[in-house]
Amino acid sequence: MTILITAVMDLEPSVAERILLGARPLIEASLAEPGCEAYSWALDPLTPGRIHVFERWTDEASLAHHFTLPNYTEMRTHLRSAGPIKSTSRKYRVAHDEPVYDETGTPRADFFTLPA
């Protein structure tokens, strides 16, 4: 079952871009892992120093393996170099997904297709 992870990190604005750019090789290493479908960091354009993280994993085993790899532990070390960080992170199991827009191009808030 697909797992999504979202995180928000609030850093000192003066270090946020350095931390984001310095994380690139670690992000690339994560993206190369089996089971990693998405791994992205982005600066928030409205909140200085805020970084949003989005990850998508094919299954729990892939995510568990990620937590054992050097790029994960190096990422934690890299983040500590930023000084104090306020962060929240959550993981979600995805039971069903579908397009936002139906066949007519209309955005839909409801789930309108049958689960596979």
N, C-alpha and C. Protein backbone atom coordinates (compact mmCIF):
# COMPACT_ATOMS: atom_id res chain seq x y z
N MET A 1 0.85 -1.18 0.00
CA MET A 1 0.00 0.00 0.00
C MET A 1 0.89 1.24 0.00
N THR A 2 0.57 2.19 -0.82
CA THR A 2 1.35 3.42 -0.94
C THR A 2 1.38 4.17 0.39
N ILE A 3 2.56 4.72 0.72
CA ILE A 3 2.74 5.54 1.91
C ILE A 3 3.18 6.92 1.46
N LEU A 4 2.51 7.95 1.99
CA LEU A 4 2.90 9.34 1.76
C LEU A 4 3.46 9.90 3.05
N ILE A 5 4.48 10.72 2.93
CA ILE A 5 5.03 11.44 4.08
C ILE A 5 5.03 12.92 3.72
N THR A 6 4.53 13.73 4.64
CA THR A 6 4.61 15.17 4.49
C THR A 6 5.31 15.72 5.73
N ALA A 7 6.11 16.74 5.53
CA ALA A 7 6.79 17.39 6.65
C ALA A 7 6.88 18.88 6.37
N VAL A 8 6.91 19.62 7.45
CA VAL A 8 7.15 21.06 7.39
C VAL A 8 8.27 21.35 8.38
N MET A 9 9.31 22.01 7.89
CA MET A 9 10.44 22.38 8.73
C MET A 9 10.58 23.90 8.72
N ASP A 10 10.64 24.49 9.90
CA ASP A 10 10.87 25.93 10.02
C ASP A 10 12.29 26.15 10.53
N LEU A 11 13.12 26.73 9.67
CA LEU A 11 14.51 27.01 9.97
C LEU A 11 14.72 28.52 10.03
N GLU A 12 15.89 28.91 10.50
CA GLU A 12 16.25 30.32 10.39
C GLU A 12 16.25 30.66 8.90
N PRO A 13 15.56 31.70 8.50
CA PRO A 13 15.51 32.04 7.07
C PRO A 13 16.88 32.19 6.42
N SER A 14 17.88 32.62 7.18
CA SER A 14 19.21 32.82 6.61
C SER A 14 19.91 31.53 6.22
N VAL A 15 19.44 30.38 6.72
CA VAL A 15 20.10 29.10 6.40
C VAL A 15 19.23 28.17 5.55
N ALA A 16 17.97 28.51 5.36
CA ALA A 16 17.04 27.58 4.69
C ALA A 16 17.49 27.21 3.28
N GLU A 17 17.89 28.19 2.48
CA GLU A 17 18.29 27.89 1.11
C GLU A 17 19.56 27.03 1.09
N ARG A 18 20.52 27.32 1.97
CA ARG A 18 21.74 26.51 2.05
C ARG A 18 21.41 25.07 2.40
N ILE A 19 20.52 24.88 3.34
CA ILE A 19 20.13 23.53 3.75
C ILE A 19 19.43 22.82 2.60
N LEU A 20 18.54 23.51 1.92
CA LEU A 20 17.82 22.91 0.80
C LEU A 20 18.79 22.50 -0.31
N LEU A 21 19.67 23.39 -0.71
CA LEU A 21 20.61 23.08 -1.79
C LEU A 21 21.62 22.01 -1.37
N GLY A 22 22.05 22.03 -0.12
CA GLY A 22 22.99 21.03 0.37
C GLY A 22 22.39 19.65 0.48
N ALA A 23 21.07 19.58 0.55
CA ALA A 23 20.38 18.28 0.65
C ALA A 23 20.25 17.59 -0.71
N ARG A 24 20.54 18.29 -1.77
CA ARG A 24 20.30 17.73 -3.11
C ARG A 24 20.89 16.33 -3.31
N PRO A 25 22.17 16.08 -3.01
CA PRO A 25 22.69 14.73 -3.25
C PRO A 25 21.99 13.67 -2.39
N LEU A 26 21.55 14.05 -1.22
CA LEU A 26 20.85 13.10 -0.35
C LEU A 26 19.44 12.83 -0.87
N ILE A 27 18.80 13.86 -1.40
CA ILE A 27 17.48 13.69 -2.02
C ILE A 27 17.61 12.80 -3.25
N GLU A 28 18.64 13.06 -4.07
CA GLU A 28 18.86 12.23 -5.26
C GLU A 28 19.10 10.77 -4.88
N ALA A 29 19.86 10.54 -3.81
CA ALA A 29 20.11 9.17 -3.36
C ALA A 29 18.81 8.50 -2.93
N SER A 30 17.95 9.24 -2.25
CA SER A 30 16.67 8.68 -1.83
C SER A 30 15.80 8.34 -3.03
N LEU A 31 15.79 9.22 -4.02
CA LEU A 31 15.00 8.97 -5.23
C LEU A 31 15.48 7.73 -5.99
N ALA A 32 16.74 7.38 -5.83
CA ALA A 32 17.29 6.20 -6.52
C ALA A 32 16.98 4.90 -5.79
N GLU A 33 16.43 4.98 -4.60
CA GLU A 33 16.13 3.78 -3.82
C GLU A 33 14.93 3.03 -4.41
N PRO A 34 14.97 1.70 -4.33
CA PRO A 34 13.79 0.92 -4.73
C PRO A 34 12.59 1.32 -3.87
N GLY A 35 11.46 1.56 -4.50
CA GLY A 35 10.24 1.88 -3.77
C GLY A 35 10.01 3.35 -3.54
N CYS A 36 10.99 4.20 -3.83
CA CYS A 36 10.80 5.65 -3.67
C CYS A 36 10.25 6.20 -4.98
N GLU A 37 9.01 6.66 -4.94
CA GLU A 37 8.37 7.21 -6.14
C GLU A 37 8.44 8.74 -6.19
N ALA A 38 8.63 9.37 -5.04
CA ALA A 38 8.75 10.84 -4.99
C ALA A 38 9.47 11.21 -3.71
N TYR A 39 10.30 12.23 -3.81
CA TYR A 39 11.03 12.74 -2.65
C TYR A 39 11.43 14.16 -3.00
N SER A 40 10.73 15.13 -2.44
CA SER A 40 10.91 16.51 -2.88
C SER A 40 10.91 17.46 -1.69
N TRP A 41 11.80 18.43 -1.75
CA TRP A 41 11.84 19.52 -0.78
C TRP A 41 11.59 20.82 -1.54
N ALA A 42 10.87 21.76 -0.91
CA ALA A 42 10.60 23.04 -1.55
C ALA A 42 10.50 24.14 -0.50
N LEU A 43 11.08 25.30 -0.83
CA LEU A 43 10.92 26.47 0.03
C LEU A 43 9.50 27.00 -0.10
N ASP A 44 8.93 27.40 1.01
CA ASP A 44 7.60 28.01 1.01
C ASP A 44 7.74 29.46 0.55
N PRO A 45 7.04 29.87 -0.50
CA PRO A 45 7.20 31.24 -1.00
C PRO A 45 6.59 32.30 -0.08
N LEU A 46 5.76 31.89 0.88
CA LEU A 46 5.10 32.87 1.75
C LEU A 46 5.65 32.91 3.17
N THR A 47 6.40 31.88 3.58
CA THR A 47 6.92 31.82 4.94
C THR A 47 8.43 31.66 4.89
N PRO A 48 9.18 32.73 5.14
CA PRO A 48 10.64 32.64 5.09
C PRO A 48 11.17 31.56 6.04
N GLY A 49 12.09 30.75 5.52
CA GLY A 49 12.71 29.70 6.32
C GLY A 49 11.96 28.39 6.37
N ARG A 50 10.79 28.34 5.78
CA ARG A 50 9.99 27.11 5.82
C ARG A 50 10.28 26.24 4.60
N ILE A 51 10.50 24.94 4.87
CA ILE A 51 10.71 23.94 3.83
C ILE A 51 9.62 22.90 3.95
N HIS A 52 8.98 22.59 2.83
CA HIS A 52 7.98 21.52 2.76
C HIS A 52 8.64 20.28 2.15
N VAL A 53 8.33 19.13 2.72
CA VAL A 53 8.86 17.85 2.23
C VAL A 53 7.68 16.97 1.82
N PHE A 54 7.82 16.30 0.68
CA PHE A 54 6.82 15.34 0.22
C PHE A 54 7.55 14.08 -0.22
N GLU A 55 7.10 12.94 0.29
CA GLU A 55 7.67 11.64 -0.11
C GLU A 55 6.53 10.69 -0.45
N ARG A 56 6.78 9.80 -1.42
CA ARG A 56 5.82 8.73 -1.75
C ARG A 56 6.62 7.44 -1.89
N TRP A 57 6.19 6.42 -1.13
CA TRP A 57 6.85 5.12 -1.10
C TRP A 57 5.85 4.05 -1.51
N THR A 58 6.34 3.02 -2.21
CA THR A 58 5.44 1.97 -2.69
C THR A 58 4.90 1.12 -1.56
N ASP A 59 5.69 0.97 -0.48
CA ASP A 59 5.24 0.10 0.61
C ASP A 59 6.07 0.35 1.87
N GLU A 60 5.63 -0.27 2.95
CA GLU A 60 6.28 -0.12 4.25
C GLU A 60 7.71 -0.65 4.24
N ALA A 61 7.94 -1.76 3.55
CA ALA A 61 9.29 -2.35 3.51
C ALA A 61 10.28 -1.38 2.86
N SER A 62 9.88 -0.71 1.80
CA SER A 62 10.77 0.26 1.14
C SER A 62 11.10 1.43 2.07
N LEU A 63 10.10 1.92 2.78
CA LEU A 63 10.33 3.02 3.71
C LEU A 63 11.22 2.56 4.86
N ALA A 64 10.97 1.37 5.38
CA ALA A 64 11.80 0.85 6.48
C ALA A 64 13.25 0.72 6.03
N HIS A 65 13.47 0.26 4.82
CA HIS A 65 14.83 0.14 4.29
C HIS A 65 15.48 1.52 4.17
N HIS A 66 14.73 2.50 3.71
CA HIS A 66 15.24 3.88 3.58
C HIS A 66 15.81 4.37 4.91
N PHE A 67 15.12 4.06 6.01
CA PHE A 67 15.55 4.53 7.33
C PHE A 67 16.87 3.92 7.77
N THR A 68 17.33 2.86 7.10
CA THR A 68 18.59 2.20 7.48
C THR A 68 19.78 2.68 6.64
N LEU A 69 19.55 3.49 5.63
CA LEU A 69 20.59 3.84 4.67
C LEU A 69 21.38 5.10 5.08
N PRO A 70 22.64 5.18 4.63
CA PRO A 70 23.47 6.34 4.98
C PRO A 70 22.87 7.68 4.56
N ASN A 71 22.21 7.74 3.40
CA ASN A 71 21.65 9.04 2.99
C ASN A 71 20.59 9.53 3.98
N TYR A 72 19.88 8.62 4.64
CA TYR A 72 18.90 9.05 5.65
C TYR A 72 19.62 9.60 6.88
N THR A 73 20.62 8.88 7.38
CA THR A 73 21.32 9.36 8.57
C THR A 73 22.12 10.63 8.26
N GLU A 74 22.68 10.73 7.07
CA GLU A 74 23.40 11.94 6.67
C GLU A 74 22.44 13.13 6.55
N MET A 75 21.22 12.87 6.13
CA MET A 75 20.22 13.94 6.04
C MET A 75 19.94 14.51 7.43
N ARG A 76 19.83 13.64 8.40
CA ARG A 76 19.58 14.11 9.77
C ARG A 76 20.75 14.96 10.28
N THR A 77 21.97 14.53 9.98
CA THR A 77 23.15 15.30 10.36
C THR A 77 23.15 16.65 9.64
N HIS A 78 22.85 16.63 8.36
CA HIS A 78 22.79 17.87 7.57
C HIS A 78 21.77 18.85 8.17
N LEU A 79 20.62 18.35 8.55
CA LEU A 79 19.60 19.22 9.12
C LEU A 79 20.05 19.81 10.46
N ARG A 80 20.74 19.02 11.27
CA ARG A 80 21.22 19.54 12.56
C ARG A 80 22.19 20.70 12.36
N SER A 81 22.88 20.74 11.21
CA SER A 81 23.81 21.84 10.95
C SER A 81 23.10 23.18 10.77
N ALA A 82 21.79 23.15 10.63
CA ALA A 82 21.00 24.38 10.44
C ALA A 82 20.72 25.09 11.75
N GLY A 83 21.03 24.45 12.87
CA GLY A 83 20.65 25.02 14.15
C GLY A 83 19.25 24.57 14.52
N PRO A 84 18.59 25.31 15.40
CA PRO A 84 17.25 24.89 15.84
C PRO A 84 16.26 24.81 14.68
N ILE A 85 15.52 23.72 14.67
CA ILE A 85 14.49 23.50 13.65
C ILE A 85 13.20 23.11 14.36
N LYS A 86 12.13 23.77 13.99
CA LYS A 86 10.81 23.34 14.43
C LYS A 86 10.23 22.55 13.27
N SER A 87 9.83 21.31 13.54
CA SER A 87 9.32 20.50 12.43
C SER A 87 8.16 19.62 12.87
N THR A 88 7.35 19.29 11.89
CA THR A 88 6.29 18.30 12.07
C THR A 88 6.33 17.39 10.86
N SER A 89 6.09 16.12 11.09
CA SER A 89 6.03 15.17 9.97
C SER A 89 4.96 14.14 10.25
N ARG A 90 4.31 13.71 9.18
CA ARG A 90 3.23 12.73 9.27
C ARG A 90 3.36 11.76 8.11
N LYS A 91 2.94 10.51 8.35
CA LYS A 91 2.87 9.53 7.26
C LYS A 91 1.42 9.08 7.12
N TYR A 92 1.07 8.71 5.89
CA TYR A 92 -0.30 8.34 5.55
C TYR A 92 -0.28 7.09 4.69
N ARG A 93 -1.17 6.14 4.99
CA ARG A 93 -1.39 4.99 4.11
C ARG A 93 -2.49 5.37 3.13
N VAL A 94 -2.27 5.11 1.86
CA VAL A 94 -3.24 5.49 0.84
C VAL A 94 -4.07 4.26 0.47
N ALA A 95 -5.36 4.32 0.76
CA ALA A 95 -6.25 3.21 0.45
C ALA A 95 -6.81 3.31 -0.97
N HIS A 96 -6.91 4.51 -1.50
CA HIS A 96 -7.48 4.71 -2.83
C HIS A 96 -7.01 6.05 -3.36
N ASP A 97 -6.67 6.10 -4.63
CA ASP A 97 -6.35 7.38 -5.25
C ASP A 97 -7.00 7.44 -6.63
N GLU A 98 -7.22 8.65 -7.08
CA GLU A 98 -7.83 8.84 -8.39
C GLU A 98 -7.58 10.27 -8.84
N PRO A 99 -7.91 10.59 -10.09
CA PRO A 99 -7.68 11.94 -10.59
C PRO A 99 -8.53 12.98 -9.86
N VAL A 100 -8.07 14.21 -9.86
CA VAL A 100 -8.85 15.32 -9.32
C VAL A 100 -9.95 15.71 -10.30
N TYR A 101 -9.65 15.61 -11.60
CA TYR A 101 -10.59 16.03 -12.64
C TYR A 101 -11.25 14.82 -13.28
N ASP A 102 -12.57 14.90 -13.50
CA ASP A 102 -13.26 13.80 -14.17
C ASP A 102 -13.07 13.91 -15.69
N GLU A 103 -13.73 13.02 -16.43
CA GLU A 103 -13.53 12.95 -17.88
C GLU A 103 -13.98 14.21 -18.61
N THR A 104 -14.77 15.07 -17.96
CA THR A 104 -15.20 16.32 -18.59
C THR A 104 -14.28 17.49 -18.22
N GLY A 105 -13.26 17.23 -17.39
CA GLY A 105 -12.36 18.29 -16.96
C GLY A 105 -12.84 19.04 -15.74
N THR A 106 -13.89 18.53 -15.10
CA THR A 106 -14.46 19.17 -13.92
C THR A 106 -13.71 18.70 -12.66
N PRO A 107 -13.27 19.64 -11.80
CA PRO A 107 -12.62 19.21 -10.55
C PRO A 107 -13.64 18.58 -9.62
N ARG A 108 -13.24 17.50 -8.97
CA ARG A 108 -14.16 16.76 -8.09
C ARG A 108 -13.54 16.62 -6.70
N ALA A 109 -14.28 16.99 -5.67
CA ALA A 109 -13.85 16.78 -4.29
C ALA A 109 -14.18 15.37 -3.83
N ASP A 110 -15.23 14.78 -4.40
CA ASP A 110 -15.64 13.43 -4.03
C ASP A 110 -14.78 12.40 -4.77
N PHE A 111 -14.77 11.18 -4.26
CA PHE A 111 -14.10 10.07 -4.95
C PHE A 111 -15.14 9.44 -5.86
N PHE A 112 -14.90 9.52 -7.15
CA PHE A 112 -15.92 9.17 -8.13
C PHE A 112 -15.62 7.92 -8.93
N THR A 113 -14.51 7.26 -8.67
CA THR A 113 -14.22 6.00 -9.35
C THR A 113 -14.28 4.87 -8.33
N LEU A 114 -14.49 3.68 -8.80
CA LEU A 114 -14.54 2.53 -7.91
C LEU A 114 -13.12 2.08 -7.58
N PRO A 115 -12.86 1.75 -6.30
CA PRO A 115 -11.53 1.22 -5.95
C PRO A 115 -11.25 -0.07 -6.72
N ALA A 116 -9.99 -0.25 -7.07
CA ALA A 116 -9.58 -1.46 -7.81
C ALA A 116 -9.63 -2.69 -6.92
